[in-house]
Amino acid sequence: MQSVIRVALIAAALCVGAPAQNLPEGSGRAEIENLCKKCHDLAKTVSLRQDRNGWGATLNKMTALGMKAKGKDLRTVLDYLATNFPAEEVPPVNVNKARAIQLESRLSLRRSEASAILRYRKEHGDFQSIDDLKKVPGIDVAKIEAKKDRLAF
């Protein structure tokens, strides 16, 4: 069950970012709009930056989840994503401003953990340090510690 949830999170992450009208022109844009809009908000299509292998794995997962696409379309989409949305260094996530999806994708947290952080932040105010973040009930402290280089306060 957790693997299905992770795949769903990846699907959501694949569809986070630029509105469709801001997608760069080029071969593959129409295919992305056609394939992603069936399940996702097009404004969230491309914020996940990956190398070609990463995009390929994501497209394979989307296909496994039921995305209907022909091999030629998948190759076109893969070329478009790898060219226009390549891997880049992930910027730190500001835990005092981040939305749940940002906490999930950048810190590899479960949805329940991200929600717990948002709830705690609302009830107790901004986090000042990683030690404050570790006080949130229901989060995996080891995950937070492992990603501490990705945190900003």
Protein backbone atom coordinates (compact mmCIF):
# COMPACT_ATOMS: atom_id res chain seq x y z
CA MET A 1 0.00 0.00 0.00
CA GLN A 2 2.84 2.41 0.80
CA SER A 3 4.33 1.89 -2.65
CA VAL A 4 1.00 2.88 -4.22
CA ILE A 5 0.93 6.01 -2.06
CA ARG A 6 4.51 6.85 -3.06
CA VAL A 7 3.67 6.45 -6.73
CA ALA A 8 0.65 8.70 -6.27
CA LEU A 9 2.89 11.31 -4.62
CA ILE A 10 5.31 11.09 -7.52
CA ALA A 11 2.39 11.54 -9.88
CA ALA A 12 1.33 14.62 -7.96
CA ALA A 13 4.87 15.91 -7.91
CA LEU A 14 5.14 15.39 -11.66
CA CYS A 15 2.25 17.75 -11.97
CA VAL A 16 3.43 20.62 -9.71
CA GLY A 17 4.60 23.91 -11.19
CA ALA A 18 4.10 26.02 -14.28
CA PRO A 19 0.70 26.75 -15.75
CA ALA A 20 0.17 25.14 -19.15
CA GLN A 21 0.46 28.49 -20.89
CA ASN A 22 3.97 28.80 -19.40
CA LEU A 23 5.17 25.46 -20.72
CA PRO A 24 7.87 26.08 -23.30
CA GLU A 25 6.86 25.59 -26.91
CA GLY A 26 8.15 22.50 -28.58
CA SER A 27 7.51 18.95 -29.58
CA GLY A 28 5.96 17.20 -26.59
CA ARG A 29 4.07 20.11 -25.07
CA ALA A 30 0.72 19.09 -26.57
CA GLU A 31 1.26 15.48 -25.50
CA ILE A 32 1.97 16.52 -21.89
CA GLU A 33 -1.11 18.72 -21.82
CA ASN A 34 -3.21 15.87 -23.23
CA LEU A 35 -1.84 13.15 -20.95
CA CYS A 36 -1.54 15.06 -17.65
CA LYS A 37 -4.76 17.06 -17.71
CA LYS A 38 -6.78 13.87 -17.44
CA CYS A 39 -5.61 13.34 -13.86
CA HIS A 40 -3.72 16.45 -12.80
CA ASP A 41 -3.89 20.20 -12.69
CA LEU A 42 -1.69 21.35 -15.57
CA ALA A 43 -0.35 24.10 -13.34
CA LYS A 44 1.45 21.31 -11.49
CA THR A 45 2.97 19.43 -14.40
CA VAL A 46 6.69 20.06 -14.32
CA SER A 47 8.17 21.27 -11.03
CA LEU A 48 9.85 17.93 -10.39
CA ARG A 49 13.24 18.37 -12.04
CA GLN A 50 14.92 15.13 -13.04
CA ASP A 51 17.50 13.73 -15.38
CA ARG A 52 16.40 11.68 -18.38
CA ASN A 53 16.40 8.42 -16.38
CA GLY A 54 14.31 9.99 -13.63
CA TRP A 55 11.73 11.32 -16.08
CA GLY A 56 11.64 7.92 -17.76
CA ALA A 57 10.99 6.21 -14.43
CA THR A 58 8.23 8.70 -13.63
CA LEU A 59 6.55 8.14 -16.99
CA ASN A 60 6.77 4.37 -16.46
CA LYS A 61 5.07 4.77 -13.08
CA MET A 62 2.34 6.94 -14.59
CA THR A 63 1.78 4.28 -17.25
CA ALA A 64 1.58 1.62 -14.54
CA LEU A 65 -1.06 3.77 -12.81
CA GLY A 66 -3.16 3.76 -15.97
CA MET A 67 -1.93 6.63 -18.12
CA LYS A 68 -2.88 5.74 -21.69
CA ALA A 69 -0.04 6.71 -24.00
CA LYS A 70 1.55 5.26 -27.10
CA GLY A 71 5.27 4.53 -27.16
CA LYS A 72 5.92 7.35 -29.64
CA ASP A 73 4.08 9.86 -27.42
CA LEU A 74 6.01 8.70 -24.35
CA ARG A 75 9.33 9.15 -26.17
CA THR A 76 8.26 12.63 -27.29
CA VAL A 77 7.20 13.57 -23.76
CA LEU A 78 10.42 12.17 -22.32
CA ASP A 79 12.51 14.23 -24.75
CA TYR A 80 10.48 17.35 -23.93
CA LEU A 81 10.77 16.91 -20.15
CA ALA A 82 14.48 16.05 -20.19
CA THR A 83 15.21 19.07 -22.38
CA ASN A 84 12.98 21.67 -20.73
CA PHE A 85 12.92 20.52 -17.11
CA PRO A 86 16.33 18.97 -16.40
CA ALA A 87 17.62 17.97 -13.00
CA GLU A 88 18.85 20.78 -10.85
CA GLU A 89 19.95 21.11 -7.31
CA VAL A 90 16.91 21.06 -5.08
CA PRO A 91 16.63 24.39 -3.22
CA PRO A 92 16.13 24.26 0.53
CA VAL A 93 12.54 24.11 1.68
CA ASN A 94 11.47 26.82 4.11
CA VAL A 95 9.47 24.85 6.65
CA ASN A 96 7.76 28.06 7.80
CA LYS A 97 6.33 28.80 4.36
CA ALA A 98 6.18 25.45 2.55
CA ARG A 99 2.95 23.83 1.44
CA ALA A 100 2.33 20.17 2.20
CA ILE A 101 3.32 18.97 -1.30
CA GLN A 102 6.67 20.75 -1.02
CA LEU A 103 7.38 19.09 2.33
CA GLU A 104 6.36 15.71 0.91
CA SER A 105 8.43 15.89 -2.25
CA ARG A 106 11.54 17.68 -1.01
CA LEU A 107 11.83 15.90 2.33
CA SER A 108 10.37 12.52 1.29
CA LEU A 109 7.66 12.78 3.92
CA ARG A 110 4.31 11.01 3.94
CA ARG A 111 1.23 13.16 3.48
CA SER A 112 0.31 12.65 7.15
CA GLU A 113 3.76 13.88 8.25
CA ALA A 114 3.53 17.00 6.08
CA SER A 115 0.04 17.69 7.44
CA ALA A 116 1.31 17.28 11.00
CA ILE A 117 4.03 19.87 10.33
CA LEU A 118 1.51 22.35 8.92
CA ARG A 119 -0.84 21.79 11.85
CA TYR A 120 1.97 22.21 14.40
CA ARG A 121 3.22 25.36 12.64
CA LYS A 122 -0.30 26.85 12.72
CA GLU A 123 -0.74 26.06 16.42
CA HIS A 124 2.77 26.95 17.66
CA GLY A 125 4.10 29.49 15.18
CA ASP A 126 7.21 29.39 13.04
CA PHE A 127 9.97 26.88 13.57
CA GLN A 128 13.28 28.36 14.65
CA SER A 129 15.48 25.29 14.23
CA ILE A 130 15.55 21.61 13.38
CA ASP A 131 15.07 20.90 17.08
CA ASP A 132 11.68 22.65 16.91
CA LEU A 133 10.75 20.60 13.87
CA LYS A 134 11.63 17.37 15.66
CA LYS A 135 8.97 18.18 18.28
CA VAL A 136 6.15 17.64 15.77
CA PRO A 137 4.19 14.54 16.81
CA GLY A 138 3.86 11.89 14.13
CA ILE A 139 6.93 12.65 12.04
CA ASP A 140 9.89 10.40 11.38
CA VAL A 141 12.74 12.27 13.06
CA ALA A 142 15.30 10.18 11.17
CA LYS A 143 13.89 11.48 7.85
CA ILE A 144 14.14 15.06 9.08
CA GLU A 145 17.70 14.52 10.29
CA ALA A 146 18.70 12.90 7.00
CA LYS A 147 17.39 15.89 5.03
CA LYS A 148 18.58 18.65 7.36
CA ASP A 149 20.72 20.12 4.60
CA ARG A 150 17.48 20.80 2.67
CA LEU A 151 15.85 22.78 5.48
CA ALA A 152 15.52 26.54 5.82
CA PHE A 153 13.85 28.42 8.67
